[in-house]
Amino acid sequence: VPGPDGGTCSSGGADGQLREELEALDARCRNTSAELTEVKVQLLRETVRSRELENTVLVQGQKLAQLEQLVQTLVENQQPGETPWTEWGPCNASCDGGLRTRTRTT
């Protein structure tokens, strides 16, 4: 086969080696591409998991806030629209049988 400088080239040696190197490079690129795809999939899974956890924390935080409000309401025995209880007033007797009062408005 005539070469670029007028000499002859063998179609087996350099061309065959170059072809093998290109095929090996192509295979490495395909492997790298597959590895990158797998890494992307793993990253997406972790992102979804992270967002699910964030949402769970947010929902649990909202539930906790609602529970704290309910507990506060129950502790004060206060219904919606009622004012909190006042502090206990003094006892009206100096010994057993006296009364102490507190009030709230509805």
N, C-alpha and C. Protein backbone atom coordinates (compact mmCIF):
# COMPACT_ATOMS: atom_id res chain seq x y z
N VAL A 1 0.87 -1.18 0.00
CA VAL A 1 0.00 0.00 0.00
C VAL A 1 0.90 1.23 0.00
N PRO A 2 0.70 2.18 -0.92
CA PRO A 2 1.56 3.36 -0.97
C PRO A 2 1.35 4.24 0.26
N GLY A 3 2.43 4.77 0.81
CA GLY A 3 2.37 5.63 1.98
C GLY A 3 2.40 7.08 1.58
N PRO A 4 2.27 8.01 2.56
CA PRO A 4 2.25 9.44 2.26
C PRO A 4 3.58 9.95 1.71
N ASP A 5 4.67 9.31 2.03
CA ASP A 5 5.98 9.79 1.54
C ASP A 5 6.44 9.02 0.32
N GLY A 6 5.55 8.27 -0.31
CA GLY A 6 5.90 7.53 -1.51
C GLY A 6 6.32 6.12 -1.19
N GLY A 7 6.60 5.83 0.09
CA GLY A 7 6.98 4.47 0.47
C GLY A 7 5.73 3.61 0.60
N THR A 8 5.89 2.45 1.17
CA THR A 8 4.74 1.56 1.34
C THR A 8 4.45 1.40 2.82
N CYS A 9 3.21 1.19 3.12
CA CYS A 9 2.78 0.99 4.50
C CYS A 9 2.21 -0.41 4.63
N SER A 10 2.43 -0.98 5.74
CA SER A 10 1.85 -2.27 6.03
C SER A 10 0.50 -2.02 6.68
N SER A 11 -0.52 -2.71 6.25
CA SER A 11 -1.84 -2.49 6.81
C SER A 11 -2.01 -3.21 8.13
N GLY A 12 -1.08 -4.01 8.55
CA GLY A 12 -1.24 -4.77 9.77
C GLY A 12 -0.68 -4.10 10.99
N GLY A 13 0.57 -3.67 11.01
CA GLY A 13 1.29 -3.23 12.19
C GLY A 13 0.72 -2.03 12.90
N ALA A 14 1.06 -0.82 12.44
CA ALA A 14 0.69 0.41 13.13
C ALA A 14 -0.83 0.61 13.12
N ASP A 15 -1.44 0.35 11.98
CA ASP A 15 -2.89 0.53 11.90
C ASP A 15 -3.61 -0.41 12.85
N GLY A 16 -3.16 -1.64 12.91
CA GLY A 16 -3.79 -2.62 13.81
C GLY A 16 -3.62 -2.21 15.26
N GLN A 17 -2.42 -1.73 15.61
CA GLN A 17 -2.16 -1.31 16.98
C GLN A 17 -3.00 -0.08 17.32
N LEU A 18 -3.09 0.87 16.39
CA LEU A 18 -3.89 2.07 16.60
C LEU A 18 -5.36 1.70 16.77
N ARG A 19 -5.83 0.78 15.94
CA ARG A 19 -7.23 0.34 16.03
C ARG A 19 -7.49 -0.29 17.39
N GLU A 20 -6.58 -1.11 17.88
CA GLU A 20 -6.73 -1.75 19.20
C GLU A 20 -6.74 -0.71 20.32
N GLU A 21 -5.85 0.29 20.19
CA GLU A 21 -5.80 1.35 21.20
C GLU A 21 -7.11 2.16 21.20
N LEU A 22 -7.63 2.44 20.00
CA LEU A 22 -8.90 3.17 19.91
C LEU A 22 -10.05 2.34 20.50
N GLU A 23 -10.07 1.06 20.22
CA GLU A 23 -11.11 0.19 20.77
C GLU A 23 -11.01 0.12 22.29
N ALA A 24 -9.77 0.04 22.81
CA ALA A 24 -9.57 0.00 24.26
C ALA A 24 -10.03 1.32 24.88
N LEU A 25 -9.69 2.43 24.22
CA LEU A 25 -10.10 3.75 24.71
C LEU A 25 -11.63 3.87 24.69
N ASP A 26 -12.24 3.39 23.61
CA ASP A 26 -13.70 3.41 23.50
C ASP A 26 -14.34 2.57 24.61
N ALA A 27 -13.77 1.42 24.90
CA ALA A 27 -14.30 0.56 25.97
C ALA A 27 -14.16 1.26 27.33
N ARG A 28 -13.01 1.92 27.55
CA ARG A 28 -12.83 2.64 28.81
C ARG A 28 -13.83 3.78 28.94
N CYS A 29 -14.09 4.47 27.81
CA CYS A 29 -15.08 5.56 27.84
C CYS A 29 -16.46 5.02 28.16
N ARG A 30 -16.83 3.88 27.56
CA ARG A 30 -18.14 3.28 27.86
C ARG A 30 -18.21 2.89 29.33
N ASN A 31 -17.13 2.30 29.85
CA ASN A 31 -17.11 1.92 31.27
C ASN A 31 -17.23 3.16 32.16
N THR A 32 -16.48 4.20 31.81
CA THR A 32 -16.52 5.44 32.58
C THR A 32 -17.92 6.04 32.53
N SER A 33 -18.52 6.02 31.36
CA SER A 33 -19.87 6.55 31.22
C SER A 33 -20.85 5.76 32.07
N ALA A 34 -20.73 4.45 32.08
CA ALA A 34 -21.60 3.60 32.91
C ALA A 34 -21.37 3.88 34.39
N GLU A 35 -20.10 4.06 34.78
CA GLU A 35 -19.78 4.36 36.17
C GLU A 35 -20.36 5.72 36.57
N LEU A 36 -20.24 6.70 35.68
CA LEU A 36 -20.80 8.02 35.97
C LEU A 36 -22.32 7.95 36.09
N THR A 37 -22.95 7.17 35.24
CA THR A 37 -24.40 7.01 35.32
C THR A 37 -24.78 6.40 36.66
N GLU A 38 -24.04 5.39 37.10
CA GLU A 38 -24.32 4.76 38.39
C GLU A 38 -24.13 5.75 39.53
N VAL A 39 -23.09 6.56 39.46
CA VAL A 39 -22.86 7.57 40.50
C VAL A 39 -24.01 8.58 40.51
N LYS A 40 -24.47 8.99 39.32
CA LYS A 40 -25.59 9.92 39.24
C LYS A 40 -26.85 9.31 39.87
N VAL A 41 -27.10 8.04 39.57
CA VAL A 41 -28.26 7.36 40.14
C VAL A 41 -28.16 7.32 41.66
N GLN A 42 -26.98 6.98 42.17
CA GLN A 42 -26.79 6.94 43.62
C GLN A 42 -26.99 8.32 44.23
N LEU A 43 -26.46 9.34 43.57
CA LEU A 43 -26.62 10.71 44.07
C LEU A 43 -28.09 11.12 44.08
N LEU A 44 -28.83 10.78 43.04
CA LEU A 44 -30.26 11.09 43.01
C LEU A 44 -31.00 10.36 44.13
N ARG A 45 -30.65 9.09 44.37
CA ARG A 45 -31.28 8.34 45.45
C ARG A 45 -31.01 9.00 46.80
N GLU A 46 -29.78 9.42 47.02
CA GLU A 46 -29.42 10.08 48.27
C GLU A 46 -30.13 11.42 48.39
N THR A 47 -30.27 12.14 47.29
CA THR A 47 -30.98 13.42 47.31
C THR A 47 -32.44 13.21 47.68
N VAL A 48 -33.07 12.20 47.07
CA VAL A 48 -34.47 11.89 47.39
C VAL A 48 -34.58 11.50 48.86
N ARG A 49 -33.67 10.65 49.33
CA ARG A 49 -33.69 10.22 50.73
C ARG A 49 -33.51 11.42 51.66
N SER A 50 -32.59 12.31 51.32
CA SER A 50 -32.35 13.50 52.13
C SER A 50 -33.60 14.38 52.18
N ARG A 51 -34.26 14.55 51.04
CA ARG A 51 -35.47 15.38 51.02
C ARG A 51 -36.59 14.71 51.79
N GLU A 52 -36.68 13.39 51.70
CA GLU A 52 -37.70 12.67 52.47
C GLU A 52 -37.45 12.88 53.97
N LEU A 53 -36.18 12.82 54.37
CA LEU A 53 -35.86 13.04 55.78
C LEU A 53 -36.17 14.47 56.20
N GLU A 54 -35.84 15.43 55.33
CA GLU A 54 -36.15 16.83 55.64
C GLU A 54 -37.66 17.01 55.80
N ASN A 55 -38.44 16.41 54.90
CA ASN A 55 -39.89 16.51 55.00
C ASN A 55 -40.40 15.85 56.27
N THR A 56 -39.81 14.70 56.62
CA THR A 56 -40.21 14.01 57.86
C THR A 56 -39.93 14.89 59.06
N VAL A 57 -38.76 15.50 59.09
CA VAL A 57 -38.40 16.38 60.20
C VAL A 57 -39.35 17.57 60.25
N LEU A 58 -39.67 18.14 59.10
CA LEU A 58 -40.58 19.28 59.05
C LEU A 58 -41.96 18.89 59.57
N VAL A 59 -42.47 17.76 59.09
CA VAL A 59 -43.80 17.30 59.53
C VAL A 59 -43.78 17.00 61.02
N GLN A 60 -42.73 16.33 61.48
CA GLN A 60 -42.64 16.02 62.90
C GLN A 60 -42.54 17.29 63.73
N GLY A 61 -41.82 18.28 63.23
CA GLY A 61 -41.72 19.56 63.92
C GLY A 61 -43.08 20.24 64.03
N GLN A 62 -43.86 20.18 62.94
CA GLN A 62 -45.20 20.77 62.96
C GLN A 62 -46.10 20.01 63.94
N LYS A 63 -45.99 18.70 63.93
CA LYS A 63 -46.79 17.89 64.86
C LYS A 63 -46.39 18.19 66.30
N LEU A 64 -45.09 18.35 66.53
CA LEU A 64 -44.61 18.67 67.88
C LEU A 64 -45.16 20.02 68.33
N ALA A 65 -45.15 21.00 67.44
CA ALA A 65 -45.68 22.32 67.79
C ALA A 65 -47.17 22.23 68.13
N GLN A 66 -47.92 21.46 67.35
CA GLN A 66 -49.34 21.28 67.63
C GLN A 66 -49.55 20.57 68.97
N LEU A 67 -48.72 19.56 69.23
CA LEU A 67 -48.83 18.83 70.49
C LEU A 67 -48.49 19.74 71.67
N GLU A 68 -47.45 20.55 71.53
CA GLU A 68 -47.09 21.48 72.60
C GLU A 68 -48.24 22.45 72.88
N GLN A 69 -48.89 22.94 71.82
CA GLN A 69 -50.02 23.84 72.00
C GLN A 69 -51.17 23.13 72.70
N LEU A 70 -51.44 21.89 72.30
CA LEU A 70 -52.50 21.11 72.94
C LEU A 70 -52.20 20.87 74.42
N VAL A 71 -50.96 20.51 74.71
CA VAL A 71 -50.57 20.29 76.11
C VAL A 71 -50.73 21.57 76.90
N GLN A 72 -50.28 22.68 76.35
CA GLN A 72 -50.42 23.96 77.03
C GLN A 72 -51.89 24.27 77.31
N THR A 73 -52.73 24.02 76.31
CA THR A 73 -54.17 24.25 76.48
C THR A 73 -54.73 23.35 77.57
N LEU A 74 -54.34 22.08 77.56
CA LEU A 74 -54.84 21.17 78.57
C LEU A 74 -54.33 21.53 79.96
N VAL A 75 -53.07 21.93 80.05
CA VAL A 75 -52.50 22.31 81.34
C VAL A 75 -53.27 23.48 81.92
N GLU A 76 -53.57 24.41 81.09
CA GLU A 76 -54.30 25.59 81.55
C GLU A 76 -55.80 25.35 81.57
N ASN A 77 -56.24 24.18 81.08
CA ASN A 77 -57.66 23.86 80.96
C ASN A 77 -58.38 25.00 80.26
N GLN A 78 -57.78 25.46 79.21
CA GLN A 78 -58.29 26.62 78.49
C GLN A 78 -58.85 26.16 77.15
N GLN A 79 -60.07 26.50 76.88
CA GLN A 79 -60.69 26.20 75.61
C GLN A 79 -60.47 27.38 74.67
N PRO A 80 -60.56 27.15 73.37
CA PRO A 80 -60.42 28.28 72.44
C PRO A 80 -61.41 29.39 72.79
N GLY A 81 -60.95 30.60 72.83
CA GLY A 81 -61.78 31.75 73.18
C GLY A 81 -61.77 32.10 74.65
N GLU A 82 -61.23 31.23 75.49
CA GLU A 82 -61.17 31.51 76.93
C GLU A 82 -59.84 32.15 77.28
N THR A 83 -59.85 32.95 78.33
CA THR A 83 -58.61 33.54 78.82
C THR A 83 -57.93 32.55 79.75
N PRO A 84 -56.62 32.68 79.97
CA PRO A 84 -55.94 31.80 80.91
C PRO A 84 -56.46 32.03 82.33
N TRP A 85 -56.24 31.04 83.17
CA TRP A 85 -56.59 31.17 84.59
C TRP A 85 -55.73 32.24 85.25
N THR A 86 -56.31 32.97 86.18
CA THR A 86 -55.53 33.91 86.98
C THR A 86 -54.75 33.11 88.02
N GLU A 87 -53.83 33.77 88.70
CA GLU A 87 -53.11 33.10 89.79
C GLU A 87 -54.08 32.81 90.92
N TRP A 88 -53.76 31.83 91.75
CA TRP A 88 -54.61 31.50 92.90
C TRP A 88 -54.65 32.68 93.87
N GLY A 89 -55.84 32.97 94.35
CA GLY A 89 -56.02 34.03 95.34
C GLY A 89 -55.66 33.50 96.74
N PRO A 90 -55.61 34.38 97.74
CA PRO A 90 -55.28 33.94 99.09
C PRO A 90 -56.40 33.09 99.70
N CYS A 91 -56.05 32.30 100.68
CA CYS A 91 -57.03 31.47 101.39
C CYS A 91 -57.91 32.38 102.25
N ASN A 92 -59.21 32.07 102.31
CA ASN A 92 -60.11 32.92 103.08
C ASN A 92 -60.26 32.47 104.54
N ALA A 93 -59.47 31.48 104.93
CA ALA A 93 -59.51 31.02 106.34
C ALA A 93 -58.09 30.77 106.79
N SER A 94 -57.85 30.88 108.10
CA SER A 94 -56.50 30.69 108.62
C SER A 94 -56.22 29.23 108.97
N CYS A 95 -57.24 28.35 108.90
CA CYS A 95 -57.03 26.93 109.17
C CYS A 95 -57.84 26.10 108.19
N ASP A 96 -57.99 24.80 108.43
CA ASP A 96 -58.68 23.90 107.49
C ASP A 96 -60.04 24.43 107.06
N GLY A 97 -60.42 24.09 105.85
CA GLY A 97 -61.74 24.46 105.36
C GLY A 97 -61.79 25.75 104.57
N GLY A 98 -60.68 26.43 104.40
CA GLY A 98 -60.68 27.68 103.66
C GLY A 98 -60.74 27.44 102.15
N LEU A 99 -61.01 28.49 101.43
CA LEU A 99 -61.09 28.41 99.98
C LEU A 99 -60.10 29.36 99.33
N ARG A 100 -59.56 28.91 98.27
CA ARG A 100 -58.72 29.76 97.41
C ARG A 100 -59.39 29.77 96.04
N THR A 101 -59.39 30.86 95.38
CA THR A 101 -60.07 30.95 94.09
C THR A 101 -59.13 31.49 93.01
N ARG A 102 -59.52 31.19 91.80
CA ARG A 102 -58.91 31.80 90.62
C ARG A 102 -59.99 31.87 89.56
N THR A 103 -59.80 32.73 88.58
CA THR A 103 -60.86 32.97 87.61
C THR A 103 -60.30 33.00 86.18
N ARG A 104 -61.26 32.93 85.25
CA ARG A 104 -60.96 33.14 83.84
C ARG A 104 -62.26 33.57 83.17
N THR A 105 -62.16 34.20 82.02
CA THR A 105 -63.36 34.63 81.32
C THR A 105 -63.52 33.81 80.04
N THR A 106 -64.74 33.62 79.67
CA THR A 106 -65.03 32.87 78.44
C THR A 106 -65.65 33.75 77.40
